[in-house]
Amino acid sequence: MTGFSHVHRWLSSSARRGVHARRPRSALVLCSLSAVLIGAGAATAESPVASQAPHTAHYVALGDSYASGLGAGSYDSDSGSCKRSIRSYPALWSAAHRPASFAFTACSGASTGDVVSGQLGPLNSSTDLVSITVGANDAGFVDTMTTCSLQGESACLARIDQARTYIKNTLPGKLDAVYAAVRNKAPHAHVVVLGYPHLYKLNGSCIEGLTEKSRAAVDAAADDLNGVTARRAAGHRFAFGDVNATFADHELCSGSPWLHSVTYPLDESYHPTAAGQADGYLPVLGTAA
């Protein structure tokens, strides 16, 4: 969902905190994209996604770990703990459509405040496309999933209720602040806000891990998050891309997931795989861009 920044310590007996506690970096990274590494599933100049694309000259990609591509592998070494992947949906879109400039500042672990303080440098009056996925870190996704994974159903449901209250009461203002800052810096840009997929297919194939009631609550919180994000995006006249349709039947417990469960490296847990970026996120950006 978001920067699941603290997962790397989940299995430690001495610490139980989440995965990406590092602060995002503000450096603009120009990705060097390799057709070999993009592989199957990436859009090409002849793909439906490519054929629908506008003539974008200057593209800036903002957001958290779902935007940076954590979980997809093939990270740009210059991006450090931000873990920007050449298999992320922004990098794949840029590789397919070849805009005159591509600034990729999304960073694993980023909150809305981090985007405002550290990612907006490349935006200007010439920017004509911006994509962003952000908000789940603000709502406490990391701590929520840590609690659900380690403390059982009762603690999980209580933590999810806390997150849903934050999403309802506090997150709208946080999103308004970041969206207003984007519009102020890039007054002519078409802005596409992409949401988050359900993590779980309910009544699916999983026989271990979270209870079914906890899985349903996690997905309900994702619905709340997407609903608030879509409404605030519309309030700023930004496009919203719902990825639940493309991820349908590819959630955890589906038998064909495009999301990692708890895995190694642990910081990739609960993030889209390369297939999730290419087949779950990229088509949605292509349609909305």
C-alpha atoms as a PDB file:
ATOM      1  CA  MET A   1       0.000   0.000   0.000  1.00  0.00           C
ATOM      2  CA  THR A   2       2.475   2.464   0.863  1.00  0.00           C
ATOM      3  CA  GLY A   3       5.946   2.717   1.910  1.00  0.00           C
ATOM      4  CA  PHE A   4       5.969  -0.443   3.953  1.00  0.00           C
ATOM      5  CA  SER A   5       9.156   0.874   5.408  1.00  0.00           C
ATOM      6  CA  HIS A   6       9.537  -1.162   8.510  1.00  0.00           C
ATOM      7  CA  VAL A   7       8.864  -4.732   7.392  1.00  0.00           C
ATOM      8  CA  HIS A   8      12.552  -5.637   7.400  1.00  0.00           C
ATOM      9  CA  ARG A   9      12.480  -5.842  11.198  1.00  0.00           C
ATOM     10  CA  TRP A  10       9.273  -7.838  11.559  1.00  0.00           C
ATOM     11  CA  LEU A  11      10.909 -11.154  12.081  1.00  0.00           C
ATOM     12  CA  SER A  12      13.497  -9.822  14.533  1.00  0.00           C
ATOM     13  CA  SER A  13      13.068 -11.033  18.072  1.00  0.00           C
ATOM     14  CA  SER A  14      14.496  -7.808  19.423  1.00  0.00           C
ATOM     15  CA  ALA A  15      12.463  -5.276  17.420  1.00  0.00           C
ATOM     16  CA  ARG A  16       8.913  -5.073  16.129  1.00  0.00           C
ATOM     17  CA  ARG A  17       8.665  -1.974  14.089  1.00  0.00           C
ATOM     18  CA  GLY A  18       8.000  -1.407  10.399  1.00  0.00           C
ATOM     19  CA  VAL A  19       9.912  -1.342   7.162  1.00  0.00           C
ATOM     20  CA  HIS A  20      11.017   1.962   5.591  1.00  0.00           C
ATOM     21  CA  ALA A  21      11.743   4.405   8.360  1.00  0.00           C
ATOM     22  CA  ARG A  22      14.200   6.286   6.225  1.00  0.00           C
ATOM     23  CA  ARG A  23      13.386   9.743   5.031  1.00  0.00           C
ATOM     24  CA  PRO A  24      12.919  10.172   1.288  1.00  0.00           C
ATOM     25  CA  ARG A  25      15.609  11.926  -0.693  1.00  0.00           C
ATOM     26  CA  SER A  26      14.957  14.998  -2.728  1.00  0.00           C
ATOM     27  CA  ALA A  27      17.462  14.309  -5.480  1.00  0.00           C
ATOM     28  CA  LEU A  28      15.972  14.065  -8.930  1.00  0.00           C
ATOM     29  CA  VAL A  29      16.845  10.798 -10.589  1.00  0.00           C
ATOM     30  CA  LEU A  30      16.824  10.356 -14.339  1.00  0.00           C
ATOM     31  CA  CYS A  31      16.303   6.641 -14.816  1.00  0.00           C
ATOM     32  CA  SER A  32      18.311   4.704 -17.360  1.00  0.00           C
ATOM     33  CA  LEU A  33      15.794   2.228 -18.730  1.00  0.00           C
ATOM     34  CA  SER A  34      16.706  -1.152 -20.156  1.00  0.00           C
ATOM     35  CA  ALA A  35      14.416  -3.036 -22.532  1.00  0.00           C
ATOM     36  CA  VAL A  36      15.863  -6.319 -21.316  1.00  0.00           C
ATOM     37  CA  LEU A  37      15.053  -5.543 -17.673  1.00  0.00           C
ATOM     38  CA  ILE A  38      11.592  -4.210 -18.500  1.00  0.00           C
ATOM     39  CA  GLY A  39      10.774  -7.623 -19.971  1.00  0.00           C
ATOM     40  CA  ALA A  40       7.376  -9.111 -20.620  1.00  0.00           C
ATOM     41  CA  GLY A  41       4.381  -7.051 -19.598  1.00  0.00           C
ATOM     42  CA  ALA A  42       6.001  -3.659 -20.138  1.00  0.00           C
ATOM     43  CA  ALA A  43       4.292  -1.400 -22.642  1.00  0.00           C
ATOM     44  CA  THR A  44       6.000  -0.854 -25.977  1.00  0.00           C
ATOM     45  CA  ALA A  45       5.434   1.772 -28.621  1.00  0.00           C
ATOM     46  CA  GLU A  46       2.944  -0.602 -30.266  1.00  0.00           C
ATOM     47  CA  SER A  47       1.023  -1.523 -27.131  1.00  0.00           C
ATOM     48  CA  PRO A  48      -2.530  -0.312 -26.350  1.00  0.00           C
ATOM     49  CA  VAL A  49      -1.179   1.773 -23.486  1.00  0.00           C
ATOM     50  CA  ALA A  50       1.325   3.481 -25.741  1.00  0.00           C
ATOM     51  CA  SER A  51      -1.235   4.152 -28.466  1.00  0.00           C
ATOM     52  CA  GLN A  52      -3.525   5.939 -25.990  1.00  0.00           C
ATOM     53  CA  ALA A  53      -0.806   8.191 -24.603  1.00  0.00           C
ATOM     54  CA  PRO A  54      -0.865  11.951 -25.150  1.00  0.00           C
ATOM     55  CA  HIS A  55       2.113  13.801 -26.559  1.00  0.00           C
ATOM     56  CA  THR A  56       3.757  14.360 -23.222  1.00  0.00           C
ATOM     57  CA  ALA A  57       6.941  16.386 -23.204  1.00  0.00           C
ATOM     58  CA  HIS A  58       7.750  16.693 -19.503  1.00  0.00           C
ATOM     59  CA  TYR A  59       6.684  13.993 -17.020  1.00  0.00           C
ATOM     60  CA  VAL A  60       7.273  14.015 -13.238  1.00  0.00           C
ATOM     61  CA  ALA A  61       6.493  10.961 -11.048  1.00  0.00           C
ATOM     62  CA  LEU A  62       5.857  11.550  -7.329  1.00  0.00           C
ATOM     63  CA  GLY A  63       4.805   9.458  -4.361  1.00  0.00           C
ATOM     64  CA  ASP A  64       5.604   6.590  -2.022  1.00  0.00           C
ATOM     65  CA  SER A  65       6.902   3.038  -2.413  1.00  0.00           C
ATOM     66  CA  TYR A  66       3.981   1.976  -4.603  1.00  0.00           C
ATOM     67  CA  ALA A  67       5.074   4.679  -7.049  1.00  0.00           C
ATOM     68  CA  SER A  68       8.814   4.110  -6.645  1.00  0.00           C
ATOM     69  CA  GLY A  69       8.396   0.437  -7.487  1.00  0.00           C
ATOM     70  CA  LEU A  70       9.507  -1.186  -4.248  1.00  0.00           C
ATOM     71  CA  GLY A  71       8.866  -4.895  -4.715  1.00  0.00           C
ATOM     72  CA  ALA A  72       9.486  -4.888  -8.457  1.00  0.00           C
ATOM     73  CA  GLY A  73      13.282  -5.247  -8.203  1.00  0.00           C
ATOM     74  CA  SER A  74      15.871  -3.724 -10.562  1.00  0.00           C
ATOM     75  CA  TYR A  75      16.390  -0.625  -8.431  1.00  0.00           C
ATOM     76  CA  ASP A  76      18.387   2.356  -9.626  1.00  0.00           C
ATOM     77  CA  SER A  77      21.504   2.297  -7.460  1.00  0.00           C
ATOM     78  CA  ASP A  78      21.533   6.093  -7.323  1.00  0.00           C
ATOM     79  CA  SER A  79      18.124   6.133  -5.629  1.00  0.00           C
ATOM     80  CA  GLY A  80      19.433   4.586  -2.407  1.00  0.00           C
ATOM     81  CA  SER A  81      16.749   3.849   0.191  1.00  0.00           C
ATOM     82  CA  CYS A  82      14.085   5.394  -2.053  1.00  0.00           C
ATOM     83  CA  LYS A  83      14.368   2.207  -4.152  1.00  0.00           C
ATOM     84  CA  ARG A  84      13.174   3.542  -7.474  1.00  0.00           C
ATOM     85  CA  SER A  85      12.754   0.638  -9.863  1.00  0.00           C
ATOM     86  CA  ILE A  86      13.044   0.626 -13.631  1.00  0.00           C
ATOM     87  CA  ARG A  87      10.101  -1.778 -13.464  1.00  0.00           C
ATOM     88  CA  SER A  88       7.874   0.736 -11.686  1.00  0.00           C
ATOM     89  CA  TYR A  89       4.830   2.098 -13.473  1.00  0.00           C
ATOM     90  CA  PRO A  90       6.369   5.580 -13.950  1.00  0.00           C
ATOM     91  CA  ALA A  91       9.579   4.173 -15.441  1.00  0.00           C
ATOM     92  CA  LEU A  92       7.676   1.776 -17.698  1.00  0.00           C
ATOM     93  CA  TRP A  93       5.416   4.576 -18.931  1.00  0.00           C
ATOM     94  CA  SER A  94       8.416   6.764 -19.662  1.00  0.00           C
ATOM     95  CA  ALA A  95      10.198   3.950 -21.489  1.00  0.00           C
ATOM     96  CA  ALA A  96       7.152   3.350 -23.675  1.00  0.00           C
ATOM     97  CA  HIS A  97       6.354   6.980 -24.494  1.00  0.00           C
ATOM     98  CA  ARG A  98       9.749   8.665 -24.354  1.00  0.00           C
ATOM     99  CA  PRO A  99       8.859  12.131 -23.104  1.00  0.00           C
ATOM    100  CA  ALA A 100      11.436  14.869 -23.592  1.00  0.00           C
ATOM    101  CA  SER A 101      12.128  14.758 -19.848  1.00  0.00           C
ATOM    102  CA  PHE A 102      11.319  12.330 -17.052  1.00  0.00           C
ATOM    103  CA  ALA A 103      11.892  13.282 -13.413  1.00  0.00           C
ATOM    104  CA  PHE A 104      11.373  10.380 -11.005  1.00  0.00           C
ATOM    105  CA  THR A 105      11.363  11.556  -7.394  1.00  0.00           C
ATOM    106  CA  ALA A 106       8.968   9.049  -5.772  1.00  0.00           C
ATOM    107  CA  CYS A 107      10.513   7.504  -2.674  1.00  0.00           C
ATOM    108  CA  SER A 108       9.834   4.477  -0.530  1.00  0.00           C
ATOM    109  CA  GLY A 109       8.420   5.556   2.821  1.00  0.00           C
ATOM    110  CA  ALA A 110       7.150   8.938   1.654  1.00  0.00           C
ATOM    111  CA  SER A 111       4.176  10.627   3.278  1.00  0.00           C
ATOM    112  CA  THR A 112       2.248  13.563   1.846  1.00  0.00           C
ATOM    113  CA  GLY A 113       4.480  15.930   3.813  1.00  0.00           C
ATOM    114  CA  ASP A 114       7.595  14.254   2.429  1.00  0.00           C
ATOM    115  CA  VAL A 115       6.324  14.753  -1.108  1.00  0.00           C
ATOM    116  CA  VAL A 116       5.790  18.454  -0.454  1.00  0.00           C
ATOM    117  CA  SER A 117       9.143  18.963   1.245  1.00  0.00           C
ATOM    118  CA  GLY A 118      11.338  16.782  -0.922  1.00  0.00           C
ATOM    119  CA  GLN A 119       9.878  15.739  -4.270  1.00  0.00           C
ATOM    120  CA  LEU A 120       8.456  18.786  -6.027  1.00  0.00           C
ATOM    121  CA  GLY A 121      11.718  20.327  -7.257  1.00  0.00           C
ATOM    122  CA  PRO A 122      11.363  19.170 -10.895  1.00  0.00           C
ATOM    123  CA  LEU A 123       7.847  20.618 -11.270  1.00  0.00           C
ATOM    124  CA  ASN A 124       7.471  23.849 -13.231  1.00  0.00           C
ATOM    125  CA  SER A 125       5.193  25.577 -15.710  1.00  0.00           C
ATOM    126  CA  SER A 126       6.443  23.296 -18.506  1.00  0.00           C
ATOM    127  CA  THR A 127       5.476  20.077 -16.738  1.00  0.00           C
ATOM    128  CA  ASP A 128       2.546  18.552 -18.584  1.00  0.00           C
ATOM    129  CA  LEU A 129       2.083  15.197 -16.816  1.00  0.00           C
ATOM    130  CA  VAL A 130       2.369  14.333 -13.118  1.00  0.00           C
ATOM    131  CA  SER A 131       1.580  10.966 -11.529  1.00  0.00           C
ATOM    132  CA  ILE A 132       1.353  10.352  -7.800  1.00  0.00           C
ATOM    133  CA  THR A 133       0.446   7.592  -5.364  1.00  0.00           C
ATOM    134  CA  VAL A 134       0.546   8.736  -1.736  1.00  0.00           C
ATOM    135  CA  GLY A 135      -1.472   8.701   1.487  1.00  0.00           C
ATOM    136  CA  ALA A 136      -1.179   5.201   2.929  1.00  0.00           C
ATOM    137  CA  ASN A 137       1.915   6.044   4.968  1.00  0.00           C
ATOM    138  CA  ASP A 138       0.070   8.987   6.512  1.00  0.00           C
ATOM    139  CA  ALA A 139      -2.707   6.599   7.500  1.00  0.00           C
ATOM    140  CA  GLY A 140      -0.264   4.233   9.231  1.00  0.00           C
ATOM    141  CA  PHE A 141      -0.148   1.347   6.768  1.00  0.00           C
ATOM    142  CA  VAL A 142       3.200   0.149   8.080  1.00  0.00           C
ATOM    143  CA  ASP A 143       2.162  -0.021  11.702  1.00  0.00           C
ATOM    144  CA  THR A 144      -1.230  -1.462  10.786  1.00  0.00           C
ATOM    145  CA  MET A 145       0.189  -4.380   8.835  1.00  0.00           C
ATOM    146  CA  THR A 146       2.866  -4.978  11.460  1.00  0.00           C
ATOM    147  CA  THR A 147       0.183  -5.139  14.149  1.00  0.00           C
ATOM    148  CA  CYS A 148      -2.004  -7.434  12.076  1.00  0.00           C
ATOM    149  CA  SER A 149       0.878  -9.757  11.290  1.00  0.00           C
ATOM    150  CA  LEU A 150       2.225 -10.034  14.818  1.00  0.00           C
ATOM    151  CA  GLN A 151      -0.529  -9.387  17.345  1.00  0.00           C
ATOM    152  CA  GLY A 152      -3.603 -11.315  16.261  1.00  0.00           C
ATOM    153  CA  GLU A 153      -7.130 -10.484  15.163  1.00  0.00           C
ATOM    154  CA  SER A 154      -8.307  -8.306  18.054  1.00  0.00           C
ATOM    155  CA  ALA A 155      -5.288  -5.984  17.929  1.00  0.00           C
ATOM    156  CA  CYS A 156      -5.424  -5.967  14.126  1.00  0.00           C
ATOM    157  CA  LEU A 157      -9.054  -4.854  14.006  1.00  0.00           C
ATOM    158  CA  ALA A 158      -8.471  -2.159  16.601  1.00  0.00           C
ATOM    159  CA  ARG A 159      -5.495  -0.781  14.657  1.00  0.00           C
ATOM    160  CA  ILE A 160      -7.466  -0.815  11.432  1.00  0.00           C
ATOM    161  CA  ASP A 161     -10.293   1.118  13.090  1.00  0.00           C
ATOM    162  CA  GLN A 162      -7.728   3.706  14.174  1.00  0.00           C
ATOM    163  CA  ALA A 163      -6.398   3.965  10.608  1.00  0.00           C
ATOM    164  CA  ARG A 164      -9.901   4.332   9.179  1.00  0.00           C
ATOM    165  CA  THR A 165     -10.666   7.158  11.597  1.00  0.00           C
ATOM    166  CA  TYR A 166      -7.491   8.950  10.461  1.00  0.00           C
ATOM    167  CA  ILE A 167      -8.404   8.398   6.800  1.00  0.00           C
ATOM    168  CA  LYS A 168     -11.851   9.905   7.362  1.00  0.00           C
ATOM    169  CA  ASN A 169     -10.926  12.862   9.557  1.00  0.00           C
ATOM    170  CA  THR A 170      -7.315  13.856   8.896  1.00  0.00           C
ATOM    171  CA  LEU A 171      -6.125  12.497   5.566  1.00  0.00           C
ATOM    172  CA  PRO A 172      -8.358  14.722   3.383  1.00  0.00           C
ATOM    173  CA  GLY A 173      -6.515  17.829   4.573  1.00  0.00           C
ATOM    174  CA  LYS A 174      -3.140  16.160   4.043  1.00  0.00           C
ATOM    175  CA  LEU A 175      -4.054  15.258   0.479  1.00  0.00           C
ATOM    176  CA  ASP A 176      -5.403  18.755  -0.190  1.00  0.00           C
ATOM    177  CA  ALA A 177      -2.060  20.193   0.900  1.00  0.00           C
ATOM    178  CA  VAL A 178       0.023  18.013  -1.401  1.00  0.00           C
ATOM    179  CA  TYR A 179      -2.348  18.405  -4.361  1.00  0.00           C
ATOM    180  CA  ALA A 180      -2.410  22.193  -3.952  1.00  0.00           C
ATOM    181  CA  ALA A 181       1.391  22.252  -3.834  1.00  0.00           C
ATOM    182  CA  VAL A 182       1.597  20.188  -7.035  1.00  0.00           C
ATOM    183  CA  ARG A 183      -0.839  22.498  -8.825  1.00  0.00           C
ATOM    184  CA  ASN A 184       0.989  25.593  -7.625  1.00  0.00           C
ATOM    185  CA  LYS A 185       4.314  24.331  -8.984  1.00  0.00           C
ATOM    186  CA  ALA A 186       2.900  22.790 -12.193  1.00  0.00           C
ATOM    187  CA  PRO A 187      -0.096  24.941 -13.146  1.00  0.00           C
ATOM    188  CA  HIS A 188      -0.543  23.432 -16.614  1.00  0.00           C
ATOM    189  CA  ALA A 189       0.059  19.754 -15.829  1.00  0.00           C
ATOM    190  CA  HIS A 190      -2.415  16.924 -16.200  1.00  0.00           C
ATOM    191  CA  VAL A 191      -2.206  15.184 -12.812  1.00  0.00           C
ATOM    192  CA  VAL A 192      -3.053  11.501 -12.400  1.00  0.00           C
ATOM    193  CA  VAL A 193      -3.548  10.210  -8.859  1.00  0.00           C
ATOM    194  CA  LEU A 194      -3.334   6.419  -8.649  1.00  0.00           C
ATOM    195  CA  GLY A 195      -4.831   4.512  -5.739  1.00  0.00           C
ATOM    196  CA  TYR A 196      -3.999   1.256  -3.973  1.00  0.00           C
ATOM    197  CA  PRO A 197      -5.243  -2.288  -4.640  1.00  0.00           C
ATOM    198  CA  HIS A 198      -6.973  -4.571  -2.193  1.00  0.00           C
ATOM    199  CA  LEU A 199      -4.314  -6.697  -0.549  1.00  0.00           C
ATOM    200  CA  TYR A 200      -6.469  -9.806  -0.205  1.00  0.00           C
ATOM    201  CA  LYS A 201      -8.863 -11.888  -2.224  1.00  0.00           C
ATOM    202  CA  LEU A 202     -11.477 -12.822   0.326  1.00  0.00           C
ATOM    203  CA  ASN A 203     -12.402 -16.478   0.757  1.00  0.00           C
ATOM    204  CA  GLY A 204      -9.306 -17.250  -1.258  1.00  0.00           C
ATOM    205  CA  SER A 205      -6.617 -19.893  -1.088  1.00  0.00           C
ATOM    206  CA  CYS A 206      -4.688 -18.728   2.003  1.00  0.00           C
ATOM    207  CA  ILE A 207      -4.701 -21.138   4.931  1.00  0.00           C
ATOM    208  CA  GLU A 208      -2.254 -19.252   7.166  1.00  0.00           C
ATOM    209  CA  GLY A 209      -1.576 -15.674   8.191  1.00  0.00           C
ATOM    210  CA  LEU A 210      -4.274 -13.133   8.979  1.00  0.00           C
ATOM    211  CA  THR A 211      -7.790 -14.285   9.791  1.00  0.00           C
ATOM    212  CA  GLU A 212     -10.471 -13.801   7.171  1.00  0.00           C
ATOM    213  CA  LYS A 213     -12.047 -11.085   9.307  1.00  0.00           C
ATOM    214  CA  SER A 214      -8.728  -9.226   9.457  1.00  0.00           C
ATOM    215  CA  ARG A 215      -8.229  -9.564   5.705  1.00  0.00           C
ATOM    216  CA  ALA A 216     -11.682  -8.116   5.076  1.00  0.00           C
ATOM    217  CA  ALA A 217     -10.927  -5.213   7.394  1.00  0.00           C
ATOM    218  CA  VAL A 218      -7.639  -4.479   5.621  1.00  0.00           C
ATOM    219  CA  ASP A 219      -9.460  -4.366   2.274  1.00  0.00           C
ATOM    220  CA  ALA A 220     -12.189  -2.147   3.750  1.00  0.00           C
ATOM    221  CA  ALA A 221      -9.531   0.306   4.923  1.00  0.00           C
ATOM    222  CA  ALA A 222      -8.103   0.326   1.395  1.00  0.00           C
ATOM    223  CA  ASP A 223     -11.581   1.192   0.094  1.00  0.00           C
ATOM    224  CA  ASP A 224     -11.760   4.091   2.552  1.00  0.00           C
ATOM    225  CA  LEU A 225      -8.316   5.284   1.476  1.00  0.00           C
ATOM    226  CA  ASN A 226      -9.181   5.115  -2.206  1.00  0.00           C
ATOM    227  CA  GLY A 227     -12.518   6.810  -1.680  1.00  0.00           C
ATOM    228  CA  VAL A 228     -11.016   9.775   0.148  1.00  0.00           C
ATOM    229  CA  THR A 229      -8.180   9.998  -2.380  1.00  0.00           C
ATOM    230  CA  ALA A 230     -10.568   9.955  -5.334  1.00  0.00           C
ATOM    231  CA  ARG A 231     -12.774  12.663  -3.830  1.00  0.00           C
ATOM    232  CA  ARG A 232      -9.868  14.966  -3.003  1.00  0.00           C
ATOM    233  CA  ALA A 233      -8.327  14.397  -6.429  1.00  0.00           C
ATOM    234  CA  ALA A 234     -11.632  15.362  -8.050  1.00  0.00           C
ATOM    235  CA  GLY A 235     -11.757  18.451  -5.851  1.00  0.00           C
ATOM    236  CA  HIS A 236      -8.505  19.598  -7.458  1.00  0.00           C
ATOM    237  CA  ARG A 237      -9.613  18.517 -10.935  1.00  0.00           C
ATOM    238  CA  PHE A 238      -7.066  15.720 -11.012  1.00  0.00           C
ATOM    239  CA  ALA A 239      -7.735  12.339 -12.629  1.00  0.00           C
ATOM    240  CA  PHE A 240      -8.013   9.328 -10.328  1.00  0.00           C
ATOM    241  CA  GLY A 241      -6.907   5.854 -11.385  1.00  0.00           C
ATOM    242  CA  ASP A 242      -8.535   2.947  -9.524  1.00  0.00           C
ATOM    243  CA  VAL A 243      -6.307  -0.138  -9.805  1.00  0.00           C
ATOM    244  CA  ASN A 244      -8.682  -2.620  -8.185  1.00  0.00           C
ATOM    245  CA  ALA A 245     -10.116  -3.732 -11.531  1.00  0.00           C
ATOM    246  CA  THR A 246      -6.702  -4.586 -12.969  1.00  0.00           C
ATOM    247  CA  PHE A 247      -5.605  -6.303  -9.734  1.00  0.00           C
ATOM    248  CA  ALA A 248      -8.817  -8.351  -9.494  1.00  0.00           C
ATOM    249  CA  ASP A 249      -7.958 -12.042  -9.035  1.00  0.00           C
ATOM    250  CA  HIS A 250      -4.314 -11.096  -8.479  1.00  0.00           C
ATOM    251  CA  GLU A 251      -4.516 -10.145  -4.797  1.00  0.00           C
ATOM    252  CA  LEU A 252      -2.896 -12.191  -2.046  1.00  0.00           C
ATOM    253  CA  CYS A 253      -4.776 -15.482  -1.559  1.00  0.00           C
ATOM    254  CA  SER A 254      -5.837 -15.436  -5.226  1.00  0.00           C
ATOM    255  CA  GLY A 255      -3.467 -18.163  -6.363  1.00  0.00           C
ATOM    256  CA  SER A 256      -1.907 -15.745  -8.875  1.00  0.00           C
ATOM    257  CA  PRO A 257      -0.871 -12.724  -6.794  1.00  0.00           C
ATOM    258  CA  TRP A 258       0.761  -9.578  -8.117  1.00  0.00           C
ATOM    259  CA  LEU A 259       1.579  -8.564  -4.542  1.00  0.00           C
ATOM    260  CA  HIS A 260       4.234  -9.874  -2.184  1.00  0.00           C
ATOM    261  CA  SER A 261       3.224 -11.368   1.127  1.00  0.00           C
ATOM    262  CA  VAL A 262       5.898 -11.371   3.856  1.00  0.00           C
ATOM    263  CA  THR A 263       8.949 -12.189   1.791  1.00  0.00           C
ATOM    264  CA  TYR A 264      12.668 -11.631   1.374  1.00  0.00           C
ATOM    265  CA  PRO A 265      13.919  -8.987   1.121  1.00  0.00           C
ATOM    266  CA  LEU A 266      11.427  -8.171   3.844  1.00  0.00           C
ATOM    267  CA  ASP A 267      10.992  -4.528   2.893  1.00  0.00           C
ATOM    268  CA  GLU A 268       9.218  -5.661  -0.286  1.00  0.00           C
ATOM    269  CA  SER A 269       6.395  -7.258   1.711  1.00  0.00           C
ATOM    270  CA  TYR A 270       2.873  -6.136   0.785  1.00  0.00           C
ATOM    271  CA  HIS A 271       4.063  -4.336  -2.338  1.00  0.00           C
ATOM    272  CA  PRO A 272       3.351  -5.014  -6.015  1.00  0.00           C
ATOM    273  CA  THR A 273       5.606  -7.367  -7.901  1.00  0.00           C
ATOM    274  CA  ALA A 274       7.005  -6.441 -11.316  1.00  0.00           C
ATOM    275  CA  ALA A 275       3.807  -7.919 -12.812  1.00  0.00           C
ATOM    276  CA  GLY A 276       1.710  -5.763 -10.492  1.00  0.00           C
ATOM    277  CA  GLN A 277       3.491  -2.650 -11.716  1.00  0.00           C
ATOM    278  CA  ALA A 278       3.355  -3.626 -15.407  1.00  0.00           C
ATOM    279  CA  ASP A 279      -0.098  -5.196 -15.564  1.00  0.00           C
ATOM    280  CA  GLY A 280      -1.832  -3.666 -12.553  1.00  0.00           C
ATOM    281  CA  TYR A 281      -0.654  -0.048 -12.487  1.00  0.00           C
ATOM    282  CA  LEU A 282       0.705   0.765 -15.933  1.00  0.00           C
ATOM    283  CA  PRO A 283      -2.569   0.222 -17.878  1.00  0.00           C
ATOM    284  CA  VAL A 284      -4.417   2.477 -15.436  1.00  0.00           C
ATOM    285  CA  LEU A 285      -1.877   5.259 -15.848  1.00  0.00           C
ATOM    286  CA  GLY A 286      -2.021   4.778 -19.612  1.00  0.00           C
ATOM    287  CA  THR A 287      -5.790   5.212 -19.637  1.00  0.00           C
ATOM    288  CA  ALA A 288      -5.839   8.206 -17.285  1.00  0.00           C
ATOM    289  CA  ALA A 289      -2.796  10.064 -18.648  1.00  0.00           C
END
